Amino acid sequence: MNEELVRAKVGQLLSEVSRAAVVDRPQEVSLHPPGSRQDSAIRREMAALEDNLDHVRLAIKYLVFDLEATKRENRLLKELLGRG
């Protein structure tokens, strides 16, 4: 995979995750009465899902940072080998 393809895929993933987190959804329509066990369980699950999405976003940012650092290191090593 070349760099531009990786960047495009990462950008696409980030935009999809952002879009999924900000999807316009109706005002919390629930089949269960407010305050019921099912309603609170659904809210907990939604909170956990949003937390997991935040972790995925952060992990992707770290992966992109690591990829860029690795490319810089590879470039430097190639220059050092070329001079030697």
C-alpha atoms as a PDB file:
ATOM      1  CA  MET A   1       0.000   0.000   0.000  1.00  0.00           C
ATOM      2  CA  ASN A   2       1.310   3.400  -0.820  1.00  0.00           C
ATOM      3  CA  GLU A   3       1.153   6.423   1.430  1.00  0.00           C
ATOM      4  CA  GLU A   4      -1.618   8.215  -0.442  1.00  0.00           C
ATOM      5  CA  LEU A   5      -3.880   5.164  -0.319  1.00  0.00           C
ATOM      6  CA  VAL A   6      -3.316   4.778   3.431  1.00  0.00           C
ATOM      7  CA  ARG A   7      -4.049   8.471   4.000  1.00  0.00           C
ATOM      8  CA  ALA A   8      -7.217   8.232   1.923  1.00  0.00           C
ATOM      9  CA  LYS A   9      -8.429   5.162   3.810  1.00  0.00           C
ATOM     10  CA  VAL A  10      -7.676   6.721   7.219  1.00  0.00           C
ATOM     11  CA  GLY A  11      -9.446   9.928   6.179  1.00  0.00           C
ATOM     12  CA  GLN A  12     -12.428   7.921   4.996  1.00  0.00           C
ATOM     13  CA  LEU A  13     -12.552   5.986   8.285  1.00  0.00           C
ATOM     14  CA  LEU A  14     -12.344   9.168  10.343  1.00  0.00           C
ATOM     15  CA  SER A  15     -15.122  10.809   8.354  1.00  0.00           C
ATOM     16  CA  GLU A  16     -17.349   7.746   8.682  1.00  0.00           C
ATOM     17  CA  VAL A  17     -16.764   7.569  12.437  1.00  0.00           C
ATOM     18  CA  SER A  18     -17.482  11.281  12.795  1.00  0.00           C
ATOM     19  CA  ARG A  19     -20.603  11.006  10.669  1.00  0.00           C
ATOM     20  CA  ALA A  20     -21.818   8.016  12.695  1.00  0.00           C
ATOM     21  CA  ALA A  21     -21.317   9.943  15.936  1.00  0.00           C
ATOM     22  CA  VAL A  22     -23.156  13.039  14.704  1.00  0.00           C
ATOM     23  CA  VAL A  23     -25.991  11.416  12.802  1.00  0.00           C
ATOM     24  CA  ASP A  24     -29.173  13.420  13.127  1.00  0.00           C
ATOM     25  CA  ARG A  25     -31.467  11.129  14.993  1.00  0.00           C
ATOM     26  CA  PRO A  26     -34.922  11.866  16.333  1.00  0.00           C
ATOM     27  CA  GLN A  27     -35.284  13.004  19.901  1.00  0.00           C
ATOM     28  CA  GLU A  28     -34.561   9.831  21.818  1.00  0.00           C
ATOM     29  CA  VAL A  29     -37.590   7.836  20.906  1.00  0.00           C
ATOM     30  CA  SER A  30     -37.833   4.883  23.230  1.00  0.00           C
ATOM     31  CA  LEU A  31     -40.253   2.009  23.390  1.00  0.00           C
ATOM     32  CA  HIS A  32     -39.667   1.884  27.109  1.00  0.00           C
ATOM     33  CA  PRO A  33     -40.942   4.464  29.584  1.00  0.00           C
ATOM     34  CA  PRO A  34     -38.324   6.966  30.769  1.00  0.00           C
ATOM     35  CA  GLY A  35     -36.517   5.765  33.864  1.00  0.00           C
ATOM     36  CA  SER A  36     -37.295   2.096  33.254  1.00  0.00           C
ATOM     37  CA  ARG A  37     -34.597  -0.548  33.468  1.00  0.00           C
ATOM     38  CA  GLN A  38     -34.554  -1.046  29.726  1.00  0.00           C
ATOM     39  CA  ASP A  39     -34.267   2.686  29.105  1.00  0.00           C
ATOM     40  CA  SER A  40     -31.342   3.063  31.497  1.00  0.00           C
ATOM     41  CA  ALA A  41     -29.655  -0.024  30.016  1.00  0.00           C
ATOM     42  CA  ILE A  42     -29.985   1.453  26.536  1.00  0.00           C
ATOM     43  CA  ARG A  43     -28.519   4.748  27.744  1.00  0.00           C
ATOM     44  CA  ARG A  44     -25.572   2.914  29.341  1.00  0.00           C
ATOM     45  CA  GLU A  45     -24.962   0.991  26.131  1.00  0.00           C
ATOM     46  CA  MET A  46     -25.078   4.198  24.065  1.00  0.00           C
ATOM     47  CA  ALA A  47     -22.614   5.862  26.438  1.00  0.00           C
ATOM     48  CA  ALA A  48     -20.311   2.845  26.208  1.00  0.00           C
ATOM     49  CA  LEU A  49     -20.574   2.886  22.405  1.00  0.00           C
ATOM     50  CA  GLU A  50     -19.682   6.587  22.244  1.00  0.00           C
ATOM     51  CA  ASP A  51     -16.753   5.962  24.588  1.00  0.00           C
ATOM     52  CA  ASN A  52     -15.529   3.147  22.343  1.00  0.00           C
ATOM     53  CA  LEU A  53     -15.820   5.382  19.273  1.00  0.00           C
ATOM     54  CA  ASP A  54     -13.669   7.970  21.056  1.00  0.00           C
ATOM     55  CA  HIS A  55     -11.065   5.280  21.726  1.00  0.00           C
ATOM     56  CA  VAL A  56     -11.114   4.231  18.063  1.00  0.00           C
ATOM     57  CA  ARG A  57     -10.610   7.841  16.950  1.00  0.00           C
ATOM     58  CA  LEU A  58      -7.662   8.223  19.314  1.00  0.00           C
ATOM     59  CA  ALA A  59      -6.133   4.921  18.208  1.00  0.00           C
ATOM     60  CA  ILE A  60      -6.375   5.975  14.554  1.00  0.00           C
ATOM     61  CA  LYS A  61      -4.662   9.278  15.345  1.00  0.00           C
ATOM     62  CA  TYR A  62      -1.835   7.421  17.106  1.00  0.00           C
ATOM     63  CA  LEU A  63      -1.485   5.024  14.168  1.00  0.00           C
ATOM     64  CA  VAL A  64      -1.244   7.906  11.704  1.00  0.00           C
ATOM     65  CA  PHE A  65       1.350   9.619  13.917  1.00  0.00           C
ATOM     66  CA  ASP A  66       3.351   6.383  14.190  1.00  0.00           C
ATOM     67  CA  LEU A  67       3.170   5.815  10.436  1.00  0.00           C
ATOM     68  CA  GLU A  68       4.511   9.308   9.752  1.00  0.00           C
ATOM     69  CA  ALA A  69       7.306   8.870  12.316  1.00  0.00           C
ATOM     70  CA  THR A  70       8.267   5.524  10.784  1.00  0.00           C
ATOM     71  CA  LYS A  71       8.421   7.077   7.321  1.00  0.00           C
ATOM     72  CA  ARG A  72      10.674   9.870   8.623  1.00  0.00           C
ATOM     73  CA  GLU A  73      12.956   7.315  10.288  1.00  0.00           C
ATOM     74  CA  ASN A  74      13.101   5.206   7.126  1.00  0.00           C
ATOM     75  CA  ARG A  75      13.971   8.259   5.043  1.00  0.00           C
ATOM     76  CA  LEU A  76      16.757   9.192   7.475  1.00  0.00           C
ATOM     77  CA  LEU A  77      18.161   5.664   7.491  1.00  0.00           C
ATOM     78  CA  LYS A  78      18.113   5.526   3.686  1.00  0.00           C
ATOM     79  CA  GLU A  79      20.040   8.802   3.582  1.00  0.00           C
ATOM     80  CA  LEU A  80      22.586   7.460   6.065  1.00  0.00           C
ATOM     81  CA  LEU A  81      23.041   4.250   4.062  1.00  0.00           C
ATOM     82  CA  GLY A  82      23.323   6.204   0.828  1.00  0.00           C
ATOM     83  CA  ARG A  83      26.164   8.326   2.212  1.00  0.00           C
ATOM     84  CA  GLY A  84      28.053   5.367   3.733  1.00  0.00           C
END
